PDB file of N, CA and C in Angstrom:
ATOM      1  N   MET A   1      -9.108  15.135  -2.689  1.00  0.00           N
ATOM      2  CA  MET A   1      -8.003  16.049  -2.507  1.00  0.00           C
ATOM      3  C   MET A   1      -6.778  15.478  -3.219  1.00  0.00           C
ATOM      4  N   ALA A   2      -6.109  16.321  -3.953  1.00  0.00           N
ATOM      5  CA  ALA A   2      -4.939  15.898  -4.725  1.00  0.00           C
ATOM      6  C   ALA A   2      -3.736  15.690  -3.819  1.00  0.00           C
ATOM      7  N   LYS A   3      -2.978  14.639  -4.112  1.00  0.00           N
ATOM      8  CA  LYS A   3      -1.755  14.337  -3.383  1.00  0.00           C
ATOM      9  C   LYS A   3      -0.592  14.465  -4.350  1.00  0.00           C
ATOM     10  N   PHE A   4       0.465  15.126  -3.917  1.00  0.00           N
ATOM     11  CA  PHE A   4       1.627  15.357  -4.761  1.00  0.00           C
ATOM     12  C   PHE A   4       2.849  14.680  -4.168  1.00  0.00           C
ATOM     13  N   ILE A   5       3.801  14.355  -5.053  1.00  0.00           N
ATOM     14  CA  ILE A   5       5.062  13.758  -4.645  1.00  0.00           C
ATOM     15  C   ILE A   5       6.188  14.556  -5.299  1.00  0.00           C
ATOM     16  N   GLU A   6       7.256  14.775  -4.552  1.00  0.00           N
ATOM     17  CA  GLU A   6       8.436  15.448  -5.095  1.00  0.00           C
ATOM     18  C   GLU A   6       9.323  14.423  -5.775  1.00  0.00           C
ATOM     19  N   LEU A   7       9.674  14.677  -7.023  1.00  0.00           N
ATOM     20  CA  LEU A   7      10.552  13.784  -7.771  1.00  0.00           C
ATOM     21  C   LEU A   7      11.760  14.571  -8.258  1.00  0.00           C
ATOM     22  N   THR A   8      12.942  14.016  -8.065  1.00  0.00           N
ATOM     23  CA  THR A   8      14.163  14.611  -8.584  1.00  0.00           C
ATOM     24  C   THR A   8      14.379  14.045  -9.976  1.00  0.00           C
ATOM     25  N   VAL A   9      14.217  14.888 -10.974  1.00  0.00           N
ATOM     26  CA  VAL A   9      14.267  14.478 -12.374  1.00  0.00           C
ATOM     27  C   VAL A   9      15.609  14.865 -12.972  1.00  0.00           C
ATOM     28  N   SER A  10      16.200  13.940 -13.729  1.00  0.00           N
ATOM     29  CA  SER A  10      17.459  14.233 -14.408  1.00  0.00           C
ATOM     30  C   SER A  10      17.201  14.376 -15.899  1.00  0.00           C
ATOM     31  N   GLU A  11      17.653  15.495 -16.450  1.00  0.00           N
ATOM     32  CA  GLU A  11      17.539  15.753 -17.881  1.00  0.00           C
ATOM     33  C   GLU A  11      18.898  16.230 -18.365  1.00  0.00           C
ATOM     34  N   ASP A  12      19.458  15.529 -19.310  1.00  0.00           N
ATOM     35  CA  ASP A  12      20.785  15.847 -19.843  1.00  0.00           C
ATOM     36  C   ASP A  12      21.796  15.885 -18.697  1.00  0.00           C
ATOM     37  N   ASP A  13      22.391  17.029 -18.437  1.00  0.00           N
ATOM     38  CA  ASP A  13      23.409  17.130 -17.389  1.00  0.00           C
ATOM     39  C   ASP A  13      22.925  17.858 -16.150  1.00  0.00           C
ATOM     40  N   GLU A  14      21.627  18.069 -16.007  1.00  0.00           N
ATOM     41  CA  GLU A  14      21.118  18.793 -14.854  1.00  0.00           C
ATOM     42  C   GLU A  14      20.000  18.011 -14.167  1.00  0.00           C
ATOM     43  N   THR A  15      19.807  18.278 -12.906  1.00  0.00           N
ATOM     44  CA  THR A  15      18.710  17.669 -12.156  1.00  0.00           C
ATOM     45  C   THR A  15      17.865  18.787 -11.566  1.00  0.00           C
ATOM     46  N   ARG A  16      16.586  18.494 -11.410  1.00  0.00           N
ATOM     47  CA  ARG A  16      15.681  19.461 -10.796  1.00  0.00           C
ATOM     48  C   ARG A  16      14.578  18.707 -10.074  1.00  0.00           C
ATOM     49  N   ILE A  17      13.977  19.368  -9.124  1.00  0.00           N
ATOM     50  CA  ILE A  17      12.890  18.761  -8.350  1.00  0.00           C
ATOM     51  C   ILE A  17      11.572  19.284  -8.898  1.00  0.00           C
ATOM     52  N   ILE A  18      10.659  18.359  -9.192  1.00  0.00           N
ATOM     53  CA  ILE A  18       9.334  18.751  -9.661  1.00  0.00           C
ATOM     54  C   ILE A  18       8.279  18.094  -8.774  1.00  0.00           C
ATOM     55  N   MET A  19       7.128  18.731  -8.699  1.00  0.00           N
ATOM     56  CA  MET A  19       5.988  18.184  -7.970  1.00  0.00           C
ATOM     57  C   MET A  19       5.060  17.533  -8.984  1.00  0.00           C
ATOM     58  N   VAL A  20       4.689  16.278  -8.720  1.00  0.00           N
ATOM     59  CA  VAL A  20       3.829  15.528  -9.635  1.00  0.00           C
ATOM     60  C   VAL A  20       2.606  15.054  -8.862  1.00  0.00           C
ATOM     61  N   ASN A  21       1.436  15.267  -9.445  1.00  0.00           N
ATOM     62  CA  ASN A  21       0.202  14.765  -8.863  1.00  0.00           C
ATOM     63  C   ASN A  21       0.225  13.241  -8.958  1.00  0.00           C
ATOM     64  N   THR A  22       0.027  12.555  -7.850  1.00  0.00           N
ATOM     65  CA  THR A  22       0.101  11.089  -7.851  1.00  0.00           C
ATOM     66  C   THR A  22      -0.986  10.461  -8.729  1.00  0.00           C
ATOM     67  N   ASP A  23      -2.087  11.171  -8.958  1.00  0.00           N
ATOM     68  CA  ASP A  23      -3.142  10.652  -9.830  1.00  0.00           C
ATOM     69  C   ASP A  23      -2.696  10.605 -11.290  1.00  0.00           C
ATOM     70  N   SER A  24      -1.680  11.390 -11.650  1.00  0.00           N
ATOM     71  CA  SER A  24      -1.227  11.408 -13.042  1.00  0.00           C
ATOM     72  C   SER A  24      -0.101  10.412 -13.313  1.00  0.00           C
ATOM     73  N   ILE A  25       0.305   9.653 -12.294  1.00  0.00           N
ATOM     74  CA  ILE A  25       1.359   8.655 -12.471  1.00  0.00           C
ATOM     75  C   ILE A  25       0.726   7.331 -12.886  1.00  0.00           C
ATOM     76  N   GLY A  26       1.191   6.817 -14.015  1.00  0.00           N
ATOM     77  CA  GLY A  26       0.672   5.543 -14.520  1.00  0.00           C
ATOM     78  C   GLY A  26       1.440   4.373 -13.941  1.00  0.00           C
ATOM     79  N   ARG A  27       2.654   4.181 -14.423  1.00  0.00           N
ATOM     80  CA  ARG A  27       3.484   3.066 -13.975  1.00  0.00           C
ATOM     81  C   ARG A  27       4.866   3.573 -13.615  1.00  0.00           C
ATOM     82  N   ILE A  28       5.548   2.780 -12.801  1.00  0.00           N
ATOM     83  CA  ILE A  28       6.951   3.066 -12.493  1.00  0.00           C
ATOM     84  C   ILE A  28       7.769   1.831 -12.834  1.00  0.00           C
ATOM     85  N   TYR A  29       8.971   2.058 -13.316  1.00  0.00           N
ATOM     86  CA  TYR A  29       9.861   0.979 -13.719  1.00  0.00           C
ATOM     87  C   TYR A  29      11.231   1.197 -13.101  1.00  0.00           C
ATOM     88  N   GLN A  30      11.949   0.128 -12.909  1.00  0.00           N
ATOM     89  CA  GLN A  30      13.359   0.253 -12.543  1.00  0.00           C
ATOM     90  C   GLN A  30      14.131   0.570 -13.808  1.00  0.00           C
ATOM     91  N   ASN A  31      15.034   1.525 -13.745  1.00  0.00           N
ATOM     92  CA  ASN A  31      15.864   1.852 -14.894  1.00  0.00           C
ATOM     93  C   ASN A  31      16.782   0.665 -15.160  1.00  0.00           C
ATOM     94  N   PRO A  32      16.732   0.058 -16.349  1.00  0.00           N
ATOM     95  CA  PRO A  32      17.544  -1.131 -16.624  1.00  0.00           C
ATOM     96  C   PRO A  32      19.047  -0.842 -16.682  1.00  0.00           C
ATOM     97  N   GLN A  33      19.433   0.410 -16.872  1.00  0.00           N
ATOM     98  CA  GLN A  33      20.840   0.757 -16.986  1.00  0.00           C
ATOM     99  C   GLN A  33      21.459   1.211 -15.670  1.00  0.00           C
ATOM    100  N   MET A  34      20.640   1.741 -14.763  1.00  0.00           N
ATOM    101  CA  MET A  34      21.153   2.247 -13.488  1.00  0.00           C
ATOM    102  C   MET A  34      20.196   1.861 -12.371  1.00  0.00           C
ATOM    103  N   SER A  35      20.677   1.153 -11.370  1.00  0.00           N
ATOM    104  CA  SER A  35      19.801   0.682 -10.293  1.00  0.00           C
ATOM    105  C   SER A  35      19.398   1.792  -9.329  1.00  0.00           C
ATOM    106  N   ASN A  36      20.075   2.928  -9.360  1.00  0.00           N
ATOM    107  CA  ASN A  36      19.729   4.019  -8.449  1.00  0.00           C
ATOM    108  C   ASN A  36      18.757   5.011  -9.077  1.00  0.00           C
ATOM    109  N   LYS A  37      18.181   4.678 -10.238  1.00  0.00           N
ATOM    110  CA  LYS A  37      17.215   5.541 -10.911  1.00  0.00           C
ATOM    111  C   LYS A  37      15.979   4.735 -11.276  1.00  0.00           C
ATOM    112  N   SER A  38      14.883   5.451 -11.468  1.00  0.00           N
ATOM    113  CA  SER A  38      13.624   4.831 -11.876  1.00  0.00           C
ATOM    114  C   SER A  38      13.041   5.606 -13.047  1.00  0.00           C
ATOM    115  N   ILE A  39      12.110   4.971 -13.741  1.00  0.00           N
ATOM    116  CA  ILE A  39      11.377   5.597 -14.832  1.00  0.00           C
ATOM    117  C   ILE A  39       9.921   5.715 -14.392  1.00  0.00           C
ATOM    118  N   VAL A  40       9.357   6.913 -14.495  1.00  0.00           N
ATOM    119  CA  VAL A  40       7.965   7.152 -14.137  1.00  0.00           C
ATOM    120  C   VAL A  40       7.204   7.487 -15.412  1.00  0.00           C
ATOM    121  N   GLU A  41       6.157   6.712 -15.689  1.00  0.00           N
ATOM    122  CA  GLU A  41       5.306   6.965 -16.851  1.00  0.00           C
ATOM    123  C   GLU A  41       4.081   7.738 -16.383  1.00  0.00           C
ATOM    124  N   LEU A  42       3.802   8.846 -17.030  1.00  0.00           N
ATOM    125  CA  LEU A  42       2.641   9.655 -16.672  1.00  0.00           C
ATOM    126  C   LEU A  42       1.434   9.248 -17.504  1.00  0.00           C
ATOM    127  N   ASN A  43       0.238   9.538 -17.001  1.00  0.00           N
ATOM    128  CA  ASN A  43      -1.013   9.133 -17.650  1.00  0.00           C
ATOM    129  C   ASN A  43      -1.433  10.042 -18.793  1.00  0.00           C
ATOM    130  N   TYR A  44      -0.618  10.991 -19.168  1.00  0.00           N
ATOM    131  CA  TYR A  44      -0.999  11.860 -20.274  1.00  0.00           C
ATOM    132  C   TYR A  44       0.088  11.854 -21.329  1.00  0.00           C
ATOM    133  N   HIS A  45      -0.225  12.406 -22.488  1.00  0.00           N
ATOM    134  CA  HIS A  45       0.675  12.369 -23.631  1.00  0.00           C
ATOM    135  C   HIS A  45       1.168  13.771 -23.965  1.00  0.00           C
ATOM    136  N   SER A  46       2.287  13.820 -24.662  1.00  0.00           N
ATOM    137  CA  SER A  46       2.832  15.098 -25.100  1.00  0.00           C
ATOM    138  C   SER A  46       2.055  15.606 -26.315  1.00  0.00           C
ATOM    139  N   ILE A  47       2.454  16.741 -26.819  1.00  0.00           N
ATOM    140  CA  ILE A  47       1.769  17.361 -27.956  1.00  0.00           C
ATOM    141  C   ILE A  47       1.751  16.436 -29.166  1.00  0.00           C
ATOM    142  N   ASN A  48       2.845  15.706 -29.394  1.00  0.00           N
ATOM    143  CA  ASN A  48       2.897  14.808 -30.549  1.00  0.00           C
ATOM    144  C   ASN A  48       2.360  13.413 -30.224  1.00  0.00           C
ATOM    145  N   ASP A  49       1.537  13.312 -29.178  1.00  0.00           N
ATOM    146  CA  ASP A  49       0.841  12.083 -28.780  1.00  0.00           C
ATOM    147  C   ASP A  49       1.780  10.961 -28.340  1.00  0.00           C
ATOM    148  N   ALA A  50       2.956  11.307 -27.879  1.00  0.00           N
ATOM    149  CA  ALA A  50       3.895  10.314 -27.341  1.00  0.00           C
ATOM    150  C   ALA A  50       3.737  10.260 -25.824  1.00  0.00           C
ATOM    151  N   PRO A  51       3.897   9.085 -25.219  1.00  0.00           N
ATOM    152  CA  PRO A  51       3.823   8.992 -23.757  1.00  0.00           C
ATOM    153  C   PRO A  51       4.909   9.848 -23.101  1.00  0.00           C
ATOM    154  N   VAL A  52       4.621  10.309 -21.897  1.00  0.00           N
ATOM    155  CA  VAL A  52       5.581  11.138 -21.163  1.00  0.00           C
ATOM    156  C   VAL A  52       6.238  10.285 -20.087  1.00  0.00           C
ATOM    157  N   TYR A  53       7.557  10.234 -20.116  1.00  0.00           N
ATOM    158  CA  TYR A  53       8.342   9.483 -19.140  1.00  0.00           C
ATOM    159  C   TYR A  53       9.288  10.433 -18.440  1.00  0.00           C
ATOM    160  N   LEU A  54       9.495  10.198 -17.142  1.00  0.00           N
ATOM    161  CA  LEU A  54      10.458  10.966 -16.374  1.00  0.00           C
ATOM    162  C   LEU A  54      11.505  10.006 -15.822  1.00  0.00           C
ATOM    163  N   GLU A  55      12.770  10.364 -15.937  1.00  0.00           N
ATOM    164  CA  GLU A  55      13.833   9.583 -15.312  1.00  0.00           C
ATOM    165  C   GLU A  55      14.127  10.251 -13.979  1.00  0.00           C
ATOM    166  N   VAL A  56      13.859   9.540 -12.886  1.00  0.00           N
ATOM    167  CA  VAL A  56      13.992  10.140 -11.557  1.00  0.00           C
ATOM    168  C   VAL A  56      15.181   9.545 -10.817  1.00  0.00           C
ATOM    169  N   GLU A  57      15.738  10.339  -9.942  1.00  0.00           N
ATOM    170  CA  GLU A  57      16.934   9.972  -9.179  1.00  0.00           C
ATOM    171  C   GLU A  57      16.565   9.263  -7.872  1.00  0.00           C
ATOM    172  N   ILE A  58      15.615   8.349  -7.943  1.00  0.00           N
ATOM    173  CA  ILE A  58      15.166   7.602  -6.764  1.00  0.00           C
ATOM    174  C   ILE A  58      15.198   6.125  -7.125  1.00  0.00           C
ATOM    175  N   PRO A  59      15.808   5.276  -6.284  1.00  0.00           N
ATOM    176  CA  PRO A  59      15.784   3.831  -6.567  1.00  0.00           C
ATOM    177  C   PRO A  59      14.348   3.309  -6.641  1.00  0.00           C
ATOM    178  N   TYR A  60      14.133   2.318  -7.473  1.00  0.00           N
ATOM    179  CA  TYR A  60      12.802   1.776  -7.726  1.00  0.00           C
ATOM    180  C   TYR A  60      12.097   1.328  -6.440  1.00  0.00           C
ATOM    181  N   GLU A  61      12.781   0.573  -5.594  1.00  0.00           N
ATOM    182  CA  GLU A  61      12.145   0.054  -4.384  1.00  0.00           C
ATOM    183  C   GLU A  61      11.686   1.177  -3.452  1.00  0.00           C
ATOM    184  N   LYS A  62      12.496   2.200  -3.310  1.00  0.00           N
ATOM    185  CA  LYS A  62      12.119   3.343  -2.447  1.00  0.00           C
ATOM    186  C   LYS A  62      10.923   4.075  -3.032  1.00  0.00           C
ATOM    187  N   LEU A  63      10.900   4.279  -4.333  1.00  0.00           N
ATOM    188  CA  LEU A  63       9.781   4.955  -4.984  1.00  0.00           C
ATOM    189  C   LEU A  63       8.510   4.113  -4.874  1.00  0.00           C
ATOM    190  N   ARG A  64       8.642   2.827  -5.081  1.00  0.00           N
ATOM    191  CA  ARG A  64       7.479   1.926  -4.991  1.00  0.00           C
ATOM    192  C   ARG A  64       6.879   1.934  -3.605  1.00  0.00           C
ATOM    193  N   LEU A  65       7.726   1.955  -2.586  1.00  0.00           N
ATOM    194  CA  LEU A  65       7.225   1.972  -1.209  1.00  0.00           C
ATOM    195  C   LEU A  65       6.474   3.251  -0.873  1.00  0.00           C
ATOM    196  N   SER A  66       6.804   4.332  -1.543  1.00  0.00           N
ATOM    197  CA  SER A  66       6.091   5.578  -1.269  1.00  0.00           C
ATOM    198  C   SER A  66       4.650   5.551  -1.757  1.00  0.00           C
ATOM    199  N   PHE A  67       4.289   4.578  -2.609  1.00  0.00           N
ATOM    200  CA  PHE A  67       2.918   4.451  -3.106  1.00  0.00           C
ATOM    201  C   PHE A  67       2.120   3.399  -2.347  1.00  0.00           C
ATOM    202  N   LEU A  68       2.756   2.636  -1.492  1.00  0.00           N
ATOM    203  CA  LEU A  68       2.030   1.600  -0.730  1.00  0.00           C
ATOM    204  C   LEU A  68       1.449   2.142   0.535  1.00  0.00           C
TER     205      LEU A  68
END
């Protein structure tokens, strides 16, 4: 059974909430520029074969704990 997580994603000057299948999440990183944001790497690639990253409005430690 698929499990989903709500992520608040920031793009340019707007934020939105998206549902992401936890099976499609590869790695998570702390944003080096802002401690209150994280970077989520997805397990699939875009049309031009580049990795897909999401900048989320969740601190790294809180996001990491949601996967434990």
